[in-house]
Amino acid sequence: MTRLYGIKACDTMKKARAWLEEAGVAYDFHDYKAAGIDAALLREWVERLGWDKVLNRAGTTFRKLPEEARQDLDADKTVALMVAQPSMIKRPMLVHGEVLEAGFKPERYAAIFG
């Protein structure tokens, strides 16, 4: 099963979804801004990829945080931030079997789906 996590209106999400559809890949979509995200799932992602790969520091939600909230980041702190504000999660997050991919790059998706 393939599942794509992200935010419906995000441009990068639109590109990833279009790629999957054009490639004929069936997937479930989870909009974590609308439906929320489970802290345990986020912890799993952080353990597998590292919090710095899962946290979207380039987004406006993260950049608008007070300076003290952006300092001394670690796995626990970033998971708490992302649960509270799912817009801070990297988009998209793709789960395909045992594969976990953060972000969208067409060449990576092509390698994953062969």
N, C-alpha and C. Protein backbone atom coordinates (compact mmCIF):
# COMPACT_ATOMS: atom_id res chain seq x y z
N MET A 1 0.84 -1.19 0.00
CA MET A 1 0.00 0.00 0.00
C MET A 1 0.88 1.25 0.00
N THR A 2 0.45 2.23 -0.75
CA THR A 2 1.16 3.50 -0.82
C THR A 2 0.29 4.56 -0.17
N ARG A 3 0.91 5.34 0.69
CA ARG A 3 0.18 6.44 1.34
C ARG A 3 1.01 7.70 1.21
N LEU A 4 0.34 8.79 0.86
CA LEU A 4 0.97 10.08 0.71
C LEU A 4 0.41 11.00 1.78
N TYR A 5 1.29 11.61 2.55
CA TYR A 5 0.90 12.52 3.62
C TYR A 5 1.30 13.94 3.22
N GLY A 6 0.43 14.88 3.49
CA GLY A 6 0.76 16.27 3.19
C GLY A 6 -0.44 17.18 3.37
N ILE A 7 -0.39 18.29 2.66
CA ILE A 7 -1.44 19.30 2.72
C ILE A 7 -1.98 19.48 1.30
N LYS A 8 -3.28 19.39 1.16
CA LYS A 8 -3.92 19.38 -0.15
C LYS A 8 -3.51 20.55 -1.05
N ALA A 9 -3.44 21.76 -0.51
CA ALA A 9 -3.22 22.94 -1.33
C ALA A 9 -1.75 23.22 -1.66
N CYS A 10 -0.83 22.47 -1.11
CA CYS A 10 0.60 22.70 -1.31
C CYS A 10 1.00 22.41 -2.76
N ASP A 11 1.77 23.30 -3.38
CA ASP A 11 2.21 23.11 -4.76
C ASP A 11 3.06 21.86 -4.94
N THR A 12 3.94 21.59 -4.00
CA THR A 12 4.78 20.39 -4.09
C THR A 12 3.92 19.14 -4.00
N MET A 13 2.90 19.19 -3.16
CA MET A 13 1.97 18.06 -3.05
C MET A 13 1.27 17.83 -4.39
N LYS A 14 0.86 18.91 -5.03
CA LYS A 14 0.17 18.78 -6.31
C LYS A 14 1.07 18.11 -7.33
N LYS A 15 2.35 18.44 -7.33
CA LYS A 15 3.31 17.82 -8.25
C LYS A 15 3.47 16.33 -7.95
N ALA A 16 3.58 16.00 -6.66
CA ALA A 16 3.74 14.59 -6.27
C ALA A 16 2.50 13.78 -6.63
N ARG A 17 1.35 14.33 -6.35
CA ARG A 17 0.11 13.62 -6.67
C ARG A 17 -0.04 13.44 -8.18
N ALA A 18 0.29 14.47 -8.95
CA ALA A 18 0.22 14.37 -10.41
C ALA A 18 1.20 13.30 -10.91
N TRP A 19 2.40 13.25 -10.32
CA TRP A 19 3.38 12.23 -10.74
C TRP A 19 2.83 10.84 -10.49
N LEU A 20 2.30 10.61 -9.28
CA LEU A 20 1.76 9.30 -8.94
C LEU A 20 0.61 8.92 -9.87
N GLU A 21 -0.28 9.86 -10.14
CA GLU A 21 -1.42 9.58 -11.00
C GLU A 21 -0.97 9.27 -12.43
N GLU A 22 -0.03 10.05 -12.95
CA GLU A 22 0.47 9.81 -14.31
C GLU A 22 1.19 8.47 -14.41
N ALA A 23 1.83 8.05 -13.31
CA ALA A 23 2.54 6.76 -13.29
C ALA A 23 1.59 5.59 -13.01
N GLY A 24 0.33 5.90 -12.72
CA GLY A 24 -0.64 4.85 -12.45
C GLY A 24 -0.48 4.20 -11.09
N VAL A 25 0.09 4.94 -10.14
CA VAL A 25 0.30 4.42 -8.79
C VAL A 25 -0.93 4.74 -7.94
N ALA A 26 -1.57 3.70 -7.44
CA ALA A 26 -2.71 3.89 -6.53
C ALA A 26 -2.16 4.27 -5.15
N TYR A 27 -2.79 5.23 -4.51
CA TYR A 27 -2.32 5.68 -3.20
C TYR A 27 -3.48 6.24 -2.40
N ASP A 28 -3.30 6.23 -1.09
CA ASP A 28 -4.21 6.90 -0.17
C ASP A 28 -3.57 8.23 0.19
N PHE A 29 -4.38 9.26 0.33
CA PHE A 29 -3.87 10.58 0.70
C PHE A 29 -4.36 10.95 2.08
N HIS A 30 -3.43 11.38 2.93
CA HIS A 30 -3.76 11.83 4.28
C HIS A 30 -3.36 13.30 4.38
N ASP A 31 -4.35 14.16 4.51
CA ASP A 31 -4.10 15.60 4.67
C ASP A 31 -3.92 15.87 6.16
N TYR A 32 -2.67 16.04 6.57
CA TYR A 32 -2.44 16.17 8.00
C TYR A 32 -2.78 17.55 8.54
N LYS A 33 -3.05 18.49 7.69
CA LYS A 33 -3.54 19.77 8.18
C LYS A 33 -5.02 19.65 8.53
N ALA A 34 -5.77 18.89 7.72
CA ALA A 34 -7.20 18.71 7.96
C ALA A 34 -7.48 17.61 8.98
N ALA A 35 -6.73 16.50 8.90
CA ALA A 35 -7.03 15.33 9.74
C ALA A 35 -6.07 15.17 10.92
N GLY A 36 -5.05 16.00 11.01
CA GLY A 36 -4.09 15.87 12.09
C GLY A 36 -3.08 14.76 11.80
N ILE A 37 -2.20 14.57 12.74
CA ILE A 37 -1.16 13.56 12.59
C ILE A 37 -0.89 12.93 13.95
N ASP A 38 -0.62 11.66 13.94
CA ASP A 38 -0.38 10.90 15.16
C ASP A 38 1.07 11.08 15.62
N ALA A 39 1.26 11.41 16.87
CA ALA A 39 2.61 11.62 17.41
C ALA A 39 3.48 10.37 17.27
N ALA A 40 2.89 9.20 17.44
CA ALA A 40 3.66 7.96 17.32
C ALA A 40 4.19 7.78 15.90
N LEU A 41 3.37 8.11 14.91
CA LEU A 41 3.81 8.01 13.51
C LEU A 41 4.93 9.00 13.24
N LEU A 42 4.78 10.22 13.73
CA LEU A 42 5.85 11.21 13.57
C LEU A 42 7.14 10.75 14.22
N ARG A 43 7.04 10.17 15.41
CA ARG A 43 8.24 9.65 16.09
C ARG A 43 8.93 8.58 15.25
N GLU A 44 8.13 7.71 14.64
CA GLU A 44 8.69 6.67 13.78
C GLU A 44 9.45 7.31 12.61
N TRP A 45 8.84 8.31 11.97
CA TRP A 45 9.50 8.99 10.86
C TRP A 45 10.81 9.64 11.31
N VAL A 46 10.76 10.30 12.46
CA VAL A 46 11.95 10.98 13.00
C VAL A 46 13.04 9.96 13.32
N GLU A 47 12.66 8.82 13.88
CA GLU A 47 13.65 7.77 14.18
C GLU A 47 14.28 7.23 12.90
N ARG A 48 13.49 7.09 11.86
CA ARG A 48 13.99 6.53 10.60
C ARG A 48 14.81 7.52 9.78
N LEU A 49 14.36 8.78 9.72
CA LEU A 49 15.00 9.76 8.84
C LEU A 49 15.79 10.85 9.55
N GLY A 50 15.50 11.04 10.84
CA GLY A 50 16.09 12.15 11.58
C GLY A 50 15.13 13.33 11.58
N TRP A 51 15.06 14.04 12.68
CA TRP A 51 14.09 15.14 12.79
C TRP A 51 14.37 16.24 11.77
N ASP A 52 15.63 16.43 11.41
CA ASP A 52 15.97 17.50 10.47
C ASP A 52 15.45 17.22 9.06
N LYS A 53 15.16 15.97 8.73
CA LYS A 53 14.59 15.63 7.42
C LYS A 53 13.06 15.70 7.42
N VAL A 54 12.46 15.55 8.59
CA VAL A 54 11.00 15.53 8.69
C VAL A 54 10.44 16.93 8.96
N LEU A 55 11.19 17.75 9.66
CA LEU A 55 10.76 19.11 10.00
C LEU A 55 11.01 20.04 8.82
N ASN A 56 9.99 20.76 8.42
CA ASN A 56 10.09 21.73 7.32
C ASN A 56 10.49 23.09 7.89
N ARG A 57 11.80 23.32 7.97
CA ARG A 57 12.28 24.59 8.51
C ARG A 57 12.17 25.74 7.51
N ALA A 58 11.97 25.42 6.24
CA ALA A 58 11.89 26.46 5.21
C ALA A 58 10.51 27.11 5.14
N GLY A 59 9.52 26.48 5.72
CA GLY A 59 8.15 26.98 5.63
C GLY A 59 7.88 28.16 6.54
N THR A 60 6.85 28.91 6.20
CA THR A 60 6.52 30.11 6.97
C THR A 60 6.06 29.78 8.38
N THR A 61 5.40 28.64 8.58
CA THR A 61 4.94 28.28 9.93
C THR A 61 6.11 28.18 10.88
N PHE A 62 7.18 27.51 10.46
CA PHE A 62 8.36 27.38 11.31
C PHE A 62 9.06 28.72 11.48
N ARG A 63 9.20 29.45 10.41
CA ARG A 63 9.92 30.73 10.47
C ARG A 63 9.20 31.75 11.33
N LYS A 64 7.88 31.63 11.48
CA LYS A 64 7.11 32.56 12.31
C LYS A 64 7.17 32.22 13.80
N LEU A 65 7.73 31.07 14.13
CA LEU A 65 7.85 30.71 15.55
C LEU A 65 8.77 31.70 16.27
N PRO A 66 8.53 31.92 17.55
CA PRO A 66 9.47 32.75 18.31
C PRO A 66 10.86 32.10 18.30
N GLU A 67 11.88 32.90 18.36
CA GLU A 67 13.26 32.41 18.29
C GLU A 67 13.53 31.30 19.31
N GLU A 68 13.02 31.45 20.52
CA GLU A 68 13.28 30.44 21.55
C GLU A 68 12.68 29.07 21.19
N ALA A 69 11.59 29.07 20.45
CA ALA A 69 10.97 27.80 20.03
C ALA A 69 11.79 27.11 18.95
N ARG A 70 12.61 27.89 18.23
CA ARG A 70 13.42 27.33 17.14
C ARG A 70 14.81 26.92 17.60
N GLN A 71 15.13 27.18 18.84
CA GLN A 71 16.46 26.85 19.36
C GLN A 71 16.44 25.52 20.09
N ASP A 72 17.63 24.92 20.18
CA ASP A 72 17.83 23.66 20.92
C ASP A 72 16.85 22.58 20.48
N LEU A 73 16.69 22.44 19.18
CA LEU A 73 15.78 21.43 18.65
C LEU A 73 16.35 20.03 18.85
N ASP A 74 15.47 19.11 19.15
CA ASP A 74 15.82 17.69 19.22
C ASP A 74 14.58 16.92 18.77
N ALA A 75 14.66 15.61 18.79
CA ALA A 75 13.56 14.79 18.30
C ALA A 75 12.25 15.07 19.04
N ASP A 76 12.30 15.09 20.38
CA ASP A 76 11.08 15.30 21.16
C ASP A 76 10.45 16.66 20.89
N LYS A 77 11.29 17.68 20.85
CA LYS A 77 10.79 19.04 20.64
C LYS A 77 10.19 19.19 19.24
N THR A 78 10.83 18.61 18.24
CA THR A 78 10.30 18.76 16.88
C THR A 78 9.00 17.96 16.69
N VAL A 79 8.91 16.79 17.30
CA VAL A 79 7.67 16.02 17.22
C VAL A 79 6.53 16.83 17.85
N ALA A 80 6.77 17.43 19.00
CA ALA A 80 5.74 18.23 19.66
C ALA A 80 5.34 19.43 18.79
N LEU A 81 6.31 20.08 18.17
CA LEU A 81 6.01 21.21 17.28
C LEU A 81 5.16 20.76 16.10
N MET A 82 5.52 19.63 15.49
CA MET A 82 4.81 19.15 14.31
C MET A 82 3.41 18.64 14.62
N VAL A 83 3.23 18.04 15.80
CA VAL A 83 1.88 17.61 16.20
C VAL A 83 1.00 18.85 16.40
N ALA A 84 1.55 19.88 17.03
CA ALA A 84 0.79 21.10 17.30
C ALA A 84 0.48 21.87 16.01
N GLN A 85 1.43 21.85 15.07
CA GLN A 85 1.26 22.59 13.83
C GLN A 85 1.75 21.73 12.66
N PRO A 86 0.88 20.86 12.13
CA PRO A 86 1.28 19.93 11.09
C PRO A 86 1.87 20.58 9.83
N SER A 87 1.64 21.88 9.64
CA SER A 87 2.24 22.57 8.49
C SER A 87 3.76 22.54 8.55
N MET A 88 4.32 22.22 9.71
CA MET A 88 5.77 22.16 9.87
C MET A 88 6.36 20.82 9.43
N ILE A 89 5.51 19.89 8.99
CA ILE A 89 6.01 18.59 8.52
C ILE A 89 6.40 18.74 7.05
N LYS A 90 7.54 18.19 6.71
CA LYS A 90 8.00 18.18 5.31
C LYS A 90 6.91 17.61 4.42
N ARG A 91 6.79 18.16 3.22
CA ARG A 91 5.78 17.69 2.29
C ARG A 91 6.42 17.32 0.97
N PRO A 92 5.90 16.26 0.39
CA PRO A 92 5.06 15.22 0.98
C PRO A 92 5.90 14.22 1.75
N MET A 93 5.23 13.41 2.53
CA MET A 93 5.85 12.23 3.14
C MET A 93 5.19 11.05 2.44
N LEU A 94 6.02 10.22 1.81
CA LEU A 94 5.55 9.07 1.06
C LEU A 94 5.92 7.80 1.80
N VAL A 95 4.92 6.94 2.01
CA VAL A 95 5.16 5.63 2.60
C VAL A 95 4.72 4.60 1.56
N HIS A 96 5.68 3.79 1.13
CA HIS A 96 5.43 2.75 0.13
C HIS A 96 6.11 1.48 0.62
N GLY A 97 5.32 0.58 1.21
CA GLY A 97 5.91 -0.61 1.82
C GLY A 97 6.86 -0.19 2.93
N GLU A 98 8.12 -0.60 2.82
CA GLU A 98 9.13 -0.23 3.82
C GLU A 98 9.82 1.09 3.51
N VAL A 99 9.50 1.68 2.36
CA VAL A 99 10.14 2.93 1.93
C VAL A 99 9.45 4.12 2.58
N LEU A 100 10.27 5.03 3.10
CA LEU A 100 9.79 6.30 3.64
C LEU A 100 10.59 7.39 2.96
N GLU A 101 9.91 8.27 2.24
CA GLU A 101 10.57 9.32 1.47
C GLU A 101 10.02 10.67 1.89
N ALA A 102 10.91 11.60 2.24
CA ALA A 102 10.51 12.96 2.61
C ALA A 102 10.77 13.89 1.44
N GLY A 103 9.75 14.65 1.05
CA GLY A 103 9.90 15.57 -0.06
C GLY A 103 9.58 14.90 -1.39
N PHE A 104 9.58 15.70 -2.45
CA PHE A 104 9.28 15.16 -3.77
C PHE A 104 10.39 15.51 -4.75
N LYS A 105 10.94 14.46 -5.33
CA LYS A 105 11.87 14.59 -6.44
C LYS A 105 11.46 13.52 -7.44
N PRO A 106 11.12 13.91 -8.67
CA PRO A 106 10.66 12.92 -9.65
C PRO A 106 11.60 11.75 -9.82
N GLU A 107 12.91 12.00 -9.80
CA GLU A 107 13.87 10.90 -9.98
C GLU A 107 13.82 9.91 -8.82
N ARG A 108 13.58 10.38 -7.61
CA ARG A 108 13.45 9.48 -6.46
C ARG A 108 12.19 8.63 -6.59
N TYR A 109 11.08 9.27 -6.96
CA TYR A 109 9.83 8.53 -7.13
C TYR A 109 10.00 7.48 -8.23
N ALA A 110 10.68 7.85 -9.32
CA ALA A 110 10.92 6.89 -10.40
C ALA A 110 11.72 5.70 -9.90
N ALA A 111 12.71 5.94 -9.05
CA ALA A 111 13.51 4.85 -8.48
C ALA A 111 12.68 3.98 -7.54
N ILE A 112 11.82 4.60 -6.77
CA ILE A 112 10.98 3.87 -5.82
C ILE A 112 9.97 2.98 -6.54
N PHE A 113 9.35 3.53 -7.58
CA PHE A 113 8.28 2.80 -8.25
C PHE A 113 8.72 2.09 -9.52
N GLY A 114 9.99 2.26 -9.87
CA GLY A 114 10.60 1.55 -11.00
C GLY A 114 9.85 1.68 -12.27
